Amino acid sequence: NPRVCISAGVHGDEPDGIYALLEFLEANQDNTELFNKVDLTILPVVHIKGFIEKQHEVGAEIYNEFGKRHQTSEEVRSVERAVSNKKIDMFLDIHGDLNYKG
C-alpha cells in the first residue's frame, strides 16, 4: 500500500487546513476500502502553540527547519520522529489562504 502522510496546522493562523483534514477524516471514518488501500499517517495540528494563540509563528519559523540537521523546534522534531521510520510515498501539507475572499 502507498504510505501517505497528511499534515496541517504548520502555521497557527491557518486553521482552514486543520478543519479540512478533520472534516475529511470524519467524512471517511467508515470508508474501510480507502483505509485498506492506503497507509495514512495523520498530523492534524503540527504547530499547536501557534494554533492556540492564532499566530503564524510562535518561536521559531518551523517551516524553515524541516530537513535541517539541528532543529530548535520541538514541533519539527515531533513530525520527523513520526515519519522517520516510514518510507513515505507522498507527503501532503495543507495550508489556508488568509487573503482568499470567496
C-alpha atoms as a PDB file:
ATOM      1  CA  ASN A   1       0.000   0.000   0.000  1.00  0.00           C
ATOM      2  CA  PRO A   2       1.168   3.544  -0.647  1.00  0.00           C
ATOM      3  CA  ARG A   3       2.216   5.390   2.512  1.00  0.00           C
ATOM      4  CA  VAL A   4       0.758   8.874   2.717  1.00  0.00           C
ATOM      5  CA  CYS A   5       1.326  11.482   5.408  1.00  0.00           C
ATOM      6  CA  ILE A   6      -1.137  14.360   5.661  1.00  0.00           C
ATOM      7  CA  SER A   7      -0.354  17.291   7.922  1.00  0.00           C
ATOM      8  CA  ALA A   8      -1.987  20.610   8.686  1.00  0.00           C
ATOM      9  CA  GLY A   9      -1.535  23.486  11.066  1.00  0.00           C
ATOM     10  CA  VAL A  10       2.096  24.338  10.356  1.00  0.00           C
ATOM     11  CA  HIS A  11       1.028  27.974  10.653  1.00  0.00           C
ATOM     12  CA  GLY A  12      -1.192  28.701  13.625  1.00  0.00           C
ATOM     13  CA  ASP A  13      -3.190  31.367  11.842  1.00  0.00           C
ATOM     14  CA  GLU A  14      -4.215  28.976   9.051  1.00  0.00           C
ATOM     15  CA  PRO A  15      -6.885  26.821  10.718  1.00  0.00           C
ATOM     16  CA  ASP A  16      -8.634  26.018   7.419  1.00  0.00           C
ATOM     17  CA  GLY A  17      -6.257  23.139   6.719  1.00  0.00           C
ATOM     18  CA  ILE A  18      -6.836  21.666  10.172  1.00  0.00           C
ATOM     19  CA  TYR A  19     -10.596  21.817   9.810  1.00  0.00           C
ATOM     20  CA  ALA A  20     -10.457  20.438   6.257  1.00  0.00           C
ATOM     21  CA  LEU A  21      -8.355  17.487   7.394  1.00  0.00           C
ATOM     22  CA  LEU A  22     -10.663  16.746  10.313  1.00  0.00           C
ATOM     23  CA  GLU A  23     -13.685  17.026   8.016  1.00  0.00           C
ATOM     24  CA  PHE A  24     -12.057  14.597   5.562  1.00  0.00           C
ATOM     25  CA  LEU A  25     -11.416  12.094   8.365  1.00  0.00           C
ATOM     26  CA  GLU A  26     -14.948  12.411   9.694  1.00  0.00           C
ATOM     27  CA  ALA A  27     -16.484  12.016   6.235  1.00  0.00           C
ATOM     28  CA  ASN A  28     -14.368   8.907   5.582  1.00  0.00           C
ATOM     29  CA  GLN A  29     -14.374   7.290   9.020  1.00  0.00           C
ATOM     30  CA  ASP A  30     -16.346   4.293   7.717  1.00  0.00           C
ATOM     31  CA  ASN A  31     -14.533   4.073   4.386  1.00  0.00           C
ATOM     32  CA  THR A  32     -12.724   0.797   5.003  1.00  0.00           C
ATOM     33  CA  GLU A  33     -11.860   0.496   1.316  1.00  0.00           C
ATOM     34  CA  LEU A  34      -9.804   3.694   1.493  1.00  0.00           C
ATOM     35  CA  PHE A  35      -8.047   2.782   4.714  1.00  0.00           C
ATOM     36  CA  ASN A  36      -7.294  -0.734   3.457  1.00  0.00           C
ATOM     37  CA  LYS A  37      -5.628   0.660   0.324  1.00  0.00           C
ATOM     38  CA  VAL A  38      -3.575   3.486   1.861  1.00  0.00           C
ATOM     39  CA  ASP A  39      -1.384   3.571   4.952  1.00  0.00           C
ATOM     40  CA  LEU A  40      -2.129   7.001   6.401  1.00  0.00           C
ATOM     41  CA  THR A  41      -0.132   8.993   8.909  1.00  0.00           C
ATOM     42  CA  ILE A  42      -2.209  11.966  10.075  1.00  0.00           C
ATOM     43  CA  LEU A  43      -0.675  15.028  11.756  1.00  0.00           C
ATOM     44  CA  PRO A  44      -3.687  17.324  12.186  1.00  0.00           C
ATOM     45  CA  VAL A  45      -2.085  20.192  14.153  1.00  0.00           C
ATOM     46  CA  VAL A  46       1.674  20.495  13.668  1.00  0.00           C
ATOM     47  CA  HIS A  47       2.096  23.866  15.400  1.00  0.00           C
ATOM     48  CA  ILE A  48      -0.146  23.509  18.450  1.00  0.00           C
ATOM     49  CA  LYS A  49       1.092  26.671  20.209  1.00  0.00           C
ATOM     50  CA  GLY A  50       0.516  28.758  17.109  1.00  0.00           C
ATOM     51  CA  PHE A  51      -2.978  27.307  16.644  1.00  0.00           C
ATOM     52  CA  ILE A  52      -3.941  28.017  20.255  1.00  0.00           C
ATOM     53  CA  GLU A  53      -2.598  31.578  20.059  1.00  0.00           C
ATOM     54  CA  LYS A  54      -3.822  32.085  16.461  1.00  0.00           C
ATOM     55  CA  GLN A  55      -0.341  33.226  15.461  1.00  0.00           C
ATOM     56  CA  HIS A  56       1.534  32.420  12.253  1.00  0.00           C
ATOM     57  CA  GLU A  57       4.673  31.565  14.238  1.00  0.00           C
ATOM     58  CA  VAL A  58       5.291  31.254  17.944  1.00  0.00           C
ATOM     59  CA  GLY A  59       9.014  30.881  18.500  1.00  0.00           C
ATOM     60  CA  ALA A  60      10.982  29.543  15.530  1.00  0.00           C
ATOM     61  CA  GLU A  61       9.768  29.641  11.947  1.00  0.00           C
ATOM     62  CA  ILE A  62       9.191  25.903  11.936  1.00  0.00           C
ATOM     63  CA  TYR A  63       8.551  25.557   8.216  1.00  0.00           C
ATOM     64  CA  ASN A  64      12.190  26.561   7.627  1.00  0.00           C
ATOM     65  CA  GLU A  65      13.536  23.817   9.932  1.00  0.00           C
ATOM     66  CA  PHE A  66      12.311  20.667   8.211  1.00  0.00           C
ATOM     67  CA  GLY A  67      15.162  18.536   6.933  1.00  0.00           C
ATOM     68  CA  LYS A  68      17.868  20.510   8.732  1.00  0.00           C
ATOM     69  CA  ARG A  69      20.388  18.749  10.927  1.00  0.00           C
ATOM     70  CA  HIS A  70      19.881  20.911  14.045  1.00  0.00           C
ATOM     71  CA  GLN A  71      16.296  21.932  14.706  1.00  0.00           C
ATOM     72  CA  THR A  72      15.298  24.224  17.548  1.00  0.00           C
ATOM     73  CA  SER A  73      11.598  23.455  17.203  1.00  0.00           C
ATOM     74  CA  GLU A  74      10.039  20.630  19.184  1.00  0.00           C
ATOM     75  CA  GLU A  75       7.207  20.608  16.635  1.00  0.00           C
ATOM     76  CA  VAL A  76       9.608  19.791  13.788  1.00  0.00           C
ATOM     77  CA  ARG A  77      11.370  17.114  15.830  1.00  0.00           C
ATOM     78  CA  SER A  78       7.967  15.553  16.630  1.00  0.00           C
ATOM     79  CA  VAL A  79       6.946  15.440  12.966  1.00  0.00           C
ATOM     80  CA  GLU A  80      10.270  13.976  11.913  1.00  0.00           C
ATOM     81  CA  ARG A  81      10.028  11.307  14.658  1.00  0.00           C
ATOM     82  CA  ALA A  82       6.513  10.425  13.493  1.00  0.00           C
ATOM     83  CA  VAL A  83       7.676   9.733   9.935  1.00  0.00           C
ATOM     84  CA  SER A  84      11.337   8.794  10.334  1.00  0.00           C
ATOM     85  CA  ASN A  85      10.806   5.034  10.416  1.00  0.00           C
ATOM     86  CA  LYS A  86       8.346   5.055   7.499  1.00  0.00           C
ATOM     87  CA  LYS A  87       9.032   5.311   3.816  1.00  0.00           C
ATOM     88  CA  ILE A  88       6.513   7.998   2.921  1.00  0.00           C
ATOM     89  CA  ASP A  89       5.436   7.907  -0.719  1.00  0.00           C
ATOM     90  CA  MET A  90       3.509  11.178  -0.570  1.00  0.00           C
ATOM     91  CA  PHE A  91       3.515  13.991   1.980  1.00  0.00           C
ATOM     92  CA  LEU A  92       0.612  16.415   1.764  1.00  0.00           C
ATOM     93  CA  ASP A  93       0.795  19.558   3.916  1.00  0.00           C
ATOM     94  CA  ILE A  94      -2.468  21.513   3.947  1.00  0.00           C
ATOM     95  CA  HIS A  95      -2.416  25.299   4.337  1.00  0.00           C
ATOM     96  CA  GLY A  96      -5.007  28.041   4.272  1.00  0.00           C
ATOM     97  CA  ASP A  97      -5.088  31.238   2.245  1.00  0.00           C
ATOM     98  CA  LEU A  98      -5.506  34.230   4.530  1.00  0.00           C
ATOM     99  CA  ASN A  99      -6.204  36.569   1.627  1.00  0.00           C
ATOM    100  CA  TYR A 100      -8.847  34.487  -0.164  1.00  0.00           C
ATOM    101  CA  LYS A 101     -12.218  36.161  -0.280  1.00  0.00           C
ATOM    102  CA  GLY A 102     -14.577  33.514  -1.597  1.00  0.00           C
END
